[in-house]
Amino acid sequence: QYFLSESGGSSKLADEVASAHYRVGIIQQLTGNLESAESELNLALDQQQSLMSPGPDRANRLKALSDTFNALGSLFNTQHRPKDSVAMFEASWNTRRQLAELVTDDLAVHQHVAQIHDGVLVLVSGQVHEDLVGGRVAVGL
């Protein structure tokens, strides 16, 4: 953060800071430090959202933003927070759809959009079932 403030608002450095928060969040999640993971992923999300603007880096930024939404969705699912999880997976799906509109010739991007959409449908189905029977949803993407 110090370097970011000293850089005079360099967007490249801001991308790196957001990426660092994302990576630390993933590591924290993998090691079971879920509160710290959520904090780091939210810092990444805030930074990434502040960088969203038209330009040559938009596709990379959309991918990073979608990855962060997806990571938060997985984290919330692990924490048995299905409504938050679905919201994050839907945000990831919507962001990937924007990316797919920019990168029309990348089959992997379009496949990932479909995978996220399928995952959201599974979680929403699970949430409806949970609401009906009062159980817990244990679904991962």
N, C-alpha and C. Protein backbone atom coordinates (compact mmCIF):
# COMPACT_ATOMS: atom_id res chain seq x y z
N GLN A 1 0.83 -1.19 0.00
CA GLN A 1 0.00 0.00 0.00
C GLN A 1 0.87 1.25 0.00
N TYR A 2 1.99 1.20 0.73
CA TYR A 2 2.89 2.34 0.78
C TYR A 2 3.38 2.69 -0.62
N PHE A 3 3.85 1.68 -1.36
CA PHE A 3 4.35 1.92 -2.71
C PHE A 3 3.26 2.46 -3.62
N LEU A 4 2.04 2.00 -3.41
CA LEU A 4 0.92 2.48 -4.21
C LEU A 4 0.70 3.97 -3.98
N SER A 5 0.74 4.40 -2.74
CA SER A 5 0.53 5.83 -2.47
C SER A 5 1.70 6.65 -2.98
N GLU A 6 2.91 6.09 -2.95
CA GLU A 6 4.10 6.80 -3.42
C GLU A 6 4.20 6.83 -4.95
N SER A 7 3.49 5.95 -5.62
CA SER A 7 3.61 5.85 -7.07
C SER A 7 2.81 6.90 -7.81
N GLY A 8 2.04 7.67 -7.09
CA GLY A 8 1.22 8.69 -7.75
C GLY A 8 0.02 8.11 -8.46
N GLY A 9 -0.45 6.95 -8.02
CA GLY A 9 -1.66 6.38 -8.60
C GLY A 9 -1.41 5.53 -9.83
N SER A 10 -0.24 4.94 -9.94
CA SER A 10 0.07 4.07 -11.08
C SER A 10 -0.92 2.92 -11.14
N SER A 11 -1.63 2.80 -12.26
CA SER A 11 -2.63 1.73 -12.38
C SER A 11 -1.96 0.36 -12.48
N LYS A 12 -0.77 0.28 -13.05
CA LYS A 12 -0.06 -1.00 -13.12
C LYS A 12 0.30 -1.48 -11.72
N LEU A 13 0.78 -0.58 -10.89
CA LEU A 13 1.11 -0.94 -9.53
C LEU A 13 -0.16 -1.29 -8.74
N ALA A 14 -1.23 -0.56 -8.99
CA ALA A 14 -2.50 -0.86 -8.33
C ALA A 14 -2.99 -2.26 -8.71
N ASP A 15 -2.80 -2.64 -9.98
CA ASP A 15 -3.16 -4.00 -10.40
C ASP A 15 -2.35 -5.03 -9.61
N GLU A 16 -1.06 -4.75 -9.42
CA GLU A 16 -0.19 -5.67 -8.68
C GLU A 16 -0.60 -5.77 -7.21
N VAL A 17 -0.97 -4.66 -6.62
CA VAL A 17 -1.42 -4.67 -5.22
C VAL A 17 -2.69 -5.50 -5.09
N ALA A 18 -3.63 -5.30 -6.00
CA ALA A 18 -4.87 -6.08 -5.99
C ALA A 18 -4.57 -7.56 -6.15
N SER A 19 -3.67 -7.88 -7.07
CA SER A 19 -3.28 -9.27 -7.30
C SER A 19 -2.63 -9.88 -6.07
N ALA A 20 -1.81 -9.09 -5.37
CA ALA A 20 -1.16 -9.58 -4.15
C ALA A 20 -2.21 -9.88 -3.07
N HIS A 21 -3.19 -8.99 -2.91
CA HIS A 21 -4.26 -9.24 -1.93
C HIS A 21 -5.03 -10.51 -2.30
N TYR A 22 -5.29 -10.70 -3.59
CA TYR A 22 -5.99 -11.89 -4.05
C TYR A 22 -5.19 -13.15 -3.69
N ARG A 23 -3.89 -13.15 -4.02
CA ARG A 23 -3.06 -14.33 -3.75
C ARG A 23 -2.98 -14.63 -2.25
N VAL A 24 -2.81 -13.59 -1.44
CA VAL A 24 -2.76 -13.79 0.02
C VAL A 24 -4.11 -14.34 0.51
N GLY A 25 -5.20 -13.83 -0.04
CA GLY A 25 -6.53 -14.33 0.34
C GLY A 25 -6.70 -15.80 0.02
N ILE A 26 -6.23 -16.20 -1.15
CA ILE A 26 -6.32 -17.62 -1.54
C ILE A 26 -5.48 -18.48 -0.61
N ILE A 27 -4.28 -18.03 -0.31
CA ILE A 27 -3.40 -18.78 0.60
C ILE A 27 -4.06 -18.88 1.99
N GLN A 28 -4.61 -17.79 2.47
CA GLN A 28 -5.27 -17.80 3.78
C GLN A 28 -6.44 -18.78 3.77
N GLN A 29 -7.19 -18.79 2.69
CA GLN A 29 -8.33 -19.71 2.59
C GLN A 29 -7.83 -21.16 2.61
N LEU A 30 -6.79 -21.45 1.86
CA LEU A 30 -6.26 -22.81 1.79
C LEU A 30 -5.69 -23.29 3.11
N THR A 31 -5.21 -22.36 3.93
CA THR A 31 -4.64 -22.73 5.23
C THR A 31 -5.67 -22.65 6.36
N GLY A 32 -6.93 -22.35 6.01
CA GLY A 32 -7.99 -22.36 7.00
C GLY A 32 -8.20 -21.06 7.75
N ASN A 33 -7.50 -20.02 7.38
CA ASN A 33 -7.67 -18.70 8.00
C ASN A 33 -8.75 -17.93 7.26
N LEU A 34 -10.00 -18.33 7.47
CA LEU A 34 -11.10 -17.85 6.65
C LEU A 34 -11.40 -16.37 6.87
N GLU A 35 -11.27 -15.89 8.09
CA GLU A 35 -11.53 -14.47 8.35
C GLU A 35 -10.50 -13.59 7.64
N SER A 36 -9.25 -13.99 7.72
CA SER A 36 -8.18 -13.26 7.03
C SER A 36 -8.35 -13.36 5.51
N ALA A 37 -8.75 -14.54 5.05
CA ALA A 37 -8.98 -14.73 3.61
C ALA A 37 -10.05 -13.77 3.11
N GLU A 38 -11.14 -13.67 3.86
CA GLU A 38 -12.22 -12.77 3.45
C GLU A 38 -11.75 -11.32 3.41
N SER A 39 -10.98 -10.94 4.41
CA SER A 39 -10.46 -9.57 4.46
C SER A 39 -9.57 -9.27 3.25
N GLU A 40 -8.65 -10.17 2.95
CA GLU A 40 -7.73 -9.96 1.82
C GLU A 40 -8.48 -9.96 0.48
N LEU A 41 -9.42 -10.87 0.33
CA LEU A 41 -10.18 -10.93 -0.92
C LEU A 41 -11.04 -9.68 -1.09
N ASN A 42 -11.58 -9.16 0.00
CA ASN A 42 -12.35 -7.91 -0.09
C ASN A 42 -11.45 -6.73 -0.43
N LEU A 43 -10.22 -6.71 0.08
CA LEU A 43 -9.27 -5.65 -0.30
C LEU A 43 -8.97 -5.74 -1.80
N ALA A 44 -8.76 -6.96 -2.29
CA ALA A 44 -8.53 -7.15 -3.72
C ALA A 44 -9.72 -6.67 -4.53
N LEU A 45 -10.91 -7.05 -4.08
CA LEU A 45 -12.14 -6.67 -4.77
C LEU A 45 -12.30 -5.15 -4.85
N ASP A 46 -12.09 -4.48 -3.73
CA ASP A 46 -12.20 -3.01 -3.71
C ASP A 46 -11.21 -2.37 -4.68
N GLN A 47 -9.96 -2.86 -4.65
CA GLN A 47 -8.93 -2.32 -5.54
C GLN A 47 -9.29 -2.57 -7.00
N GLN A 48 -9.71 -3.80 -7.30
CA GLN A 48 -10.05 -4.15 -8.68
C GLN A 48 -11.23 -3.33 -9.19
N GLN A 49 -12.24 -3.15 -8.37
CA GLN A 49 -13.40 -2.37 -8.79
C GLN A 49 -13.02 -0.91 -9.04
N SER A 50 -12.09 -0.39 -8.27
CA SER A 50 -11.67 1.00 -8.46
C SER A 50 -10.89 1.18 -9.77
N LEU A 51 -10.36 0.10 -10.31
CA LEU A 51 -9.56 0.17 -11.53
C LEU A 51 -10.38 -0.05 -12.80
N MET A 52 -11.65 -0.38 -12.67
CA MET A 52 -12.47 -0.68 -13.83
C MET A 52 -12.74 0.57 -14.67
N SER A 53 -12.25 0.55 -15.88
CA SER A 53 -12.50 1.63 -16.83
C SER A 53 -12.20 1.09 -18.22
N PRO A 54 -12.73 1.73 -19.25
CA PRO A 54 -12.41 1.30 -20.61
C PRO A 54 -10.91 1.46 -20.85
N GLY A 55 -10.37 0.60 -21.66
CA GLY A 55 -8.96 0.71 -21.99
C GLY A 55 -8.35 -0.64 -22.31
N PRO A 56 -7.08 -0.63 -22.65
CA PRO A 56 -6.42 -1.86 -23.10
C PRO A 56 -6.29 -2.93 -22.01
N ASP A 57 -6.34 -2.54 -20.74
CA ASP A 57 -6.20 -3.51 -19.65
C ASP A 57 -7.54 -4.04 -19.15
N ARG A 58 -8.63 -3.61 -19.77
CA ARG A 58 -9.96 -3.97 -19.26
C ARG A 58 -10.18 -5.48 -19.22
N ALA A 59 -9.78 -6.21 -20.24
CA ALA A 59 -10.01 -7.66 -20.27
C ALA A 59 -9.29 -8.34 -19.11
N ASN A 60 -8.04 -8.00 -18.88
CA ASN A 60 -7.29 -8.59 -17.77
C ASN A 60 -7.92 -8.23 -16.43
N ARG A 61 -8.39 -7.01 -16.32
CA ARG A 61 -9.01 -6.58 -15.07
C ARG A 61 -10.35 -7.27 -14.83
N LEU A 62 -11.12 -7.47 -15.89
CA LEU A 62 -12.38 -8.21 -15.75
C LEU A 62 -12.13 -9.64 -15.30
N LYS A 63 -11.10 -10.27 -15.86
CA LYS A 63 -10.77 -11.64 -15.46
C LYS A 63 -10.38 -11.67 -13.98
N ALA A 64 -9.53 -10.74 -13.57
CA ALA A 64 -9.10 -10.70 -12.17
C ALA A 64 -10.29 -10.46 -11.24
N LEU A 65 -11.16 -9.56 -11.63
CA LEU A 65 -12.35 -9.26 -10.82
C LEU A 65 -13.25 -10.48 -10.72
N SER A 66 -13.45 -11.17 -11.83
CA SER A 66 -14.27 -12.38 -11.82
C SER A 66 -13.65 -13.46 -10.93
N ASP A 67 -12.33 -13.61 -11.01
CA ASP A 67 -11.64 -14.59 -10.16
C ASP A 67 -11.85 -14.28 -8.68
N THR A 68 -11.82 -13.00 -8.33
CA THR A 68 -12.00 -12.61 -6.93
C THR A 68 -13.43 -12.86 -6.48
N PHE A 69 -14.41 -12.51 -7.32
CA PHE A 69 -15.80 -12.83 -6.99
C PHE A 69 -15.96 -14.33 -6.78
N ASN A 70 -15.35 -15.11 -7.66
CA ASN A 70 -15.44 -16.57 -7.58
C ASN A 70 -14.80 -17.09 -6.29
N ALA A 71 -13.64 -16.55 -5.94
CA ALA A 71 -12.96 -16.97 -4.71
C ALA A 71 -13.81 -16.64 -3.48
N LEU A 72 -14.43 -15.46 -3.48
CA LEU A 72 -15.32 -15.10 -2.37
C LEU A 72 -16.53 -16.03 -2.33
N GLY A 73 -17.06 -16.38 -3.49
CA GLY A 73 -18.18 -17.32 -3.54
C GLY A 73 -17.80 -18.67 -2.93
N SER A 74 -16.63 -19.16 -3.26
CA SER A 74 -16.15 -20.43 -2.70
C SER A 74 -15.95 -20.31 -1.19
N LEU A 75 -15.37 -19.19 -0.77
CA LEU A 75 -15.14 -18.96 0.65
C LEU A 75 -16.47 -18.94 1.42
N PHE A 76 -17.43 -18.20 0.90
CA PHE A 76 -18.73 -18.11 1.57
C PHE A 76 -19.43 -19.47 1.59
N ASN A 77 -19.25 -20.24 0.54
CA ASN A 77 -19.83 -21.58 0.52
C ASN A 77 -19.20 -22.44 1.61
N THR A 78 -17.90 -22.33 1.79
CA THR A 78 -17.19 -23.06 2.84
C THR A 78 -17.71 -22.66 4.22
N GLN A 79 -18.06 -21.38 4.36
CA GLN A 79 -18.55 -20.85 5.63
C GLN A 79 -20.06 -21.07 5.81
N HIS A 80 -20.67 -21.81 4.89
CA HIS A 80 -22.11 -22.10 4.94
C HIS A 80 -22.93 -20.80 4.92
N ARG A 81 -22.53 -19.92 3.98
CA ARG A 81 -23.25 -18.66 3.77
C ARG A 81 -23.77 -18.68 2.33
N PRO A 82 -24.78 -19.51 2.05
CA PRO A 82 -25.21 -19.75 0.68
C PRO A 82 -25.71 -18.50 -0.05
N LYS A 83 -26.40 -17.61 0.63
CA LYS A 83 -26.91 -16.42 -0.07
C LYS A 83 -25.75 -15.53 -0.52
N ASP A 84 -24.75 -15.36 0.36
CA ASP A 84 -23.57 -14.57 -0.02
C ASP A 84 -22.80 -15.27 -1.13
N SER A 85 -22.73 -16.59 -1.02
CA SER A 85 -22.01 -17.37 -2.03
C SER A 85 -22.66 -17.21 -3.40
N VAL A 86 -23.96 -17.37 -3.45
CA VAL A 86 -24.68 -17.22 -4.73
C VAL A 86 -24.48 -15.82 -5.29
N ALA A 87 -24.54 -14.80 -4.44
CA ALA A 87 -24.36 -13.42 -4.91
C ALA A 87 -22.98 -13.24 -5.55
N MET A 88 -21.95 -13.82 -4.93
CA MET A 88 -20.59 -13.68 -5.48
C MET A 88 -20.43 -14.47 -6.78
N PHE A 89 -21.00 -15.68 -6.83
CA PHE A 89 -20.91 -16.46 -8.06
C PHE A 89 -21.69 -15.79 -9.20
N GLU A 90 -22.81 -15.17 -8.87
CA GLU A 90 -23.56 -14.43 -9.91
C GLU A 90 -22.75 -13.23 -10.39
N ALA A 91 -22.09 -12.53 -9.47
CA ALA A 91 -21.24 -11.40 -9.86
C ALA A 91 -20.09 -11.88 -10.74
N SER A 92 -19.52 -13.04 -10.39
CA SER A 92 -18.45 -13.61 -11.21
C SER A 92 -18.96 -13.93 -12.61
N TRP A 93 -20.13 -14.55 -12.67
CA TRP A 93 -20.72 -14.90 -13.97
C TRP A 93 -20.99 -13.66 -14.81
N ASN A 94 -21.57 -12.62 -14.21
CA ASN A 94 -21.85 -11.39 -14.94
C ASN A 94 -20.56 -10.73 -15.43
N THR A 95 -19.52 -10.78 -14.61
CA THR A 95 -18.24 -10.19 -15.00
C THR A 95 -17.61 -10.98 -16.13
N ARG A 96 -17.69 -12.31 -16.06
CA ARG A 96 -17.15 -13.14 -17.14
C ARG A 96 -17.94 -12.93 -18.44
N ARG A 97 -19.23 -12.69 -18.33
CA ARG A 97 -20.01 -12.39 -19.54
C ARG A 97 -19.51 -11.11 -20.20
N GLN A 98 -19.20 -10.10 -19.38
CA GLN A 98 -18.62 -8.86 -19.94
C GLN A 98 -17.29 -9.15 -20.62
N LEU A 99 -16.49 -10.00 -19.98
CA LEU A 99 -15.20 -10.37 -20.57
C LEU A 99 -15.41 -11.11 -21.89
N ALA A 100 -16.38 -12.01 -21.93
CA ALA A 100 -16.65 -12.77 -23.15
C ALA A 100 -17.08 -11.85 -24.30
N GLU A 101 -17.76 -10.75 -23.98
CA GLU A 101 -18.15 -9.79 -25.01
C GLU A 101 -16.93 -9.06 -25.57
N LEU A 102 -15.90 -8.87 -24.74
CA LEU A 102 -14.67 -8.22 -25.19
C LEU A 102 -13.76 -9.16 -25.95
N VAL A 103 -13.71 -10.41 -25.50
CA VAL A 103 -12.78 -11.39 -26.05
C VAL A 103 -13.60 -12.48 -26.74
N THR A 104 -14.14 -12.16 -27.88
CA THR A 104 -15.08 -13.06 -28.54
C THR A 104 -14.43 -14.30 -29.12
N ASP A 105 -13.12 -14.30 -29.33
CA ASP A 105 -12.46 -15.44 -29.98
C ASP A 105 -11.76 -16.38 -29.00
N ASP A 106 -11.95 -16.21 -27.71
CA ASP A 106 -11.29 -17.04 -26.71
C ASP A 106 -12.28 -18.07 -26.17
N LEU A 107 -12.17 -19.30 -26.66
CA LEU A 107 -13.09 -20.37 -26.27
C LEU A 107 -13.04 -20.65 -24.78
N ALA A 108 -11.87 -20.57 -24.17
CA ALA A 108 -11.74 -20.84 -22.73
C ALA A 108 -12.58 -19.88 -21.91
N VAL A 109 -12.63 -18.62 -22.31
CA VAL A 109 -13.43 -17.62 -21.60
C VAL A 109 -14.90 -18.00 -21.67
N HIS A 110 -15.36 -18.38 -22.84
CA HIS A 110 -16.77 -18.74 -23.02
C HIS A 110 -17.11 -20.03 -22.25
N GLN A 111 -16.18 -20.98 -22.20
CA GLN A 111 -16.41 -22.20 -21.43
C GLN A 111 -16.51 -21.88 -19.94
N HIS A 112 -15.67 -20.97 -19.47
CA HIS A 112 -15.70 -20.60 -18.05
C HIS A 112 -17.02 -19.90 -17.70
N VAL A 113 -17.53 -19.09 -18.61
CA VAL A 113 -18.83 -18.44 -18.38
C VAL A 113 -19.90 -19.51 -18.18
N ALA A 114 -19.88 -20.54 -19.02
CA ALA A 114 -20.87 -21.61 -18.91
C ALA A 114 -20.70 -22.38 -17.61
N GLN A 115 -19.47 -22.65 -17.20
CA GLN A 115 -19.22 -23.38 -15.95
C GLN A 115 -19.73 -22.59 -14.75
N ILE A 116 -19.44 -21.31 -14.72
CA ILE A 116 -19.90 -20.48 -13.60
C ILE A 116 -21.43 -20.46 -13.58
N HIS A 117 -22.03 -20.30 -14.76
CA HIS A 117 -23.50 -20.29 -14.83
C HIS A 117 -24.07 -21.58 -14.28
N ASP A 118 -23.49 -22.72 -14.66
CA ASP A 118 -23.96 -24.01 -14.15
C ASP A 118 -23.80 -24.09 -12.64
N GLY A 119 -22.68 -23.58 -12.13
CA GLY A 119 -22.44 -23.59 -10.69
C GLY A 119 -23.44 -22.73 -9.94
N VAL A 120 -23.78 -21.58 -10.50
CA VAL A 120 -24.78 -20.71 -9.87
C VAL A 120 -26.13 -21.41 -9.82
N LEU A 121 -26.49 -22.09 -10.90
CA LEU A 121 -27.76 -22.81 -10.92
C LEU A 121 -27.80 -23.90 -9.84
N VAL A 122 -26.70 -24.61 -9.65
CA VAL A 122 -26.63 -25.64 -8.62
C VAL A 122 -26.79 -25.01 -7.24
N LEU A 123 -26.09 -23.91 -7.00
CA LEU A 123 -26.19 -23.25 -5.70
C LEU A 123 -27.57 -22.69 -5.44
N VAL A 124 -28.17 -22.09 -6.46
CA VAL A 124 -29.52 -21.55 -6.30
C VAL A 124 -30.48 -22.69 -6.02
N SER A 125 -30.34 -23.81 -6.72
CA SER A 125 -31.19 -24.97 -6.45
C SER A 125 -31.00 -25.44 -5.03
N GLY A 126 -29.76 -25.48 -4.57
CA GLY A 126 -29.47 -25.88 -3.20
C GLY A 126 -30.05 -24.92 -2.20
N GLN A 127 -30.00 -23.62 -2.50
CA GLN A 127 -30.55 -22.61 -1.59
C GLN A 127 -32.06 -22.77 -1.48
N VAL A 128 -32.73 -23.01 -2.60
CA VAL A 128 -34.17 -23.22 -2.57
C VAL A 128 -34.48 -24.45 -1.73
N HIS A 129 -33.70 -25.52 -1.92
CA HIS A 129 -33.91 -26.74 -1.15
C HIS A 129 -33.65 -26.47 0.34
N GLU A 130 -32.60 -25.73 0.66
CA GLU A 130 -32.30 -25.40 2.06
C GLU A 130 -33.45 -24.60 2.67
N ASP A 131 -33.96 -23.63 1.93
CA ASP A 131 -35.06 -22.83 2.44
C ASP A 131 -36.30 -23.69 2.71
N LEU A 132 -36.48 -24.71 1.89
CA LEU A 132 -37.65 -25.57 2.05
C LEU A 132 -37.51 -26.55 3.22
N VAL A 133 -36.31 -27.10 3.42
CA VAL A 133 -36.16 -28.14 4.44
C VAL A 133 -35.32 -27.70 5.63
N GLY A 134 -34.71 -26.52 5.57
CA GLY A 134 -33.94 -26.00 6.69
C GLY A 134 -32.59 -26.67 6.87
N GLY A 135 -32.08 -27.30 5.83
CA GLY A 135 -30.78 -27.98 5.91
C GLY A 135 -29.64 -27.06 5.51
N ARG A 136 -28.47 -27.66 5.32
CA ARG A 136 -27.29 -26.90 4.90
C ARG A 136 -26.93 -27.29 3.48
N VAL A 137 -26.40 -26.32 2.75
CA VAL A 137 -25.93 -26.56 1.40
C VAL A 137 -24.43 -26.78 1.46
N ALA A 138 -23.94 -27.84 0.85
CA ALA A 138 -22.50 -28.10 0.79
C ALA A 138 -22.12 -28.35 -0.66
N VAL A 139 -22.05 -27.29 -1.41
CA VAL A 139 -21.75 -27.38 -2.84
C VAL A 139 -20.51 -26.56 -3.09
N GLY A 140 -19.60 -27.07 -3.88
CA GLY A 140 -18.40 -26.33 -4.25
C GLY A 140 -18.26 -26.22 -5.74
N LEU A 141 -17.63 -25.16 -6.17
CA LEU A 141 -17.36 -25.00 -7.61
C LEU A 141 -15.91 -25.22 -7.86
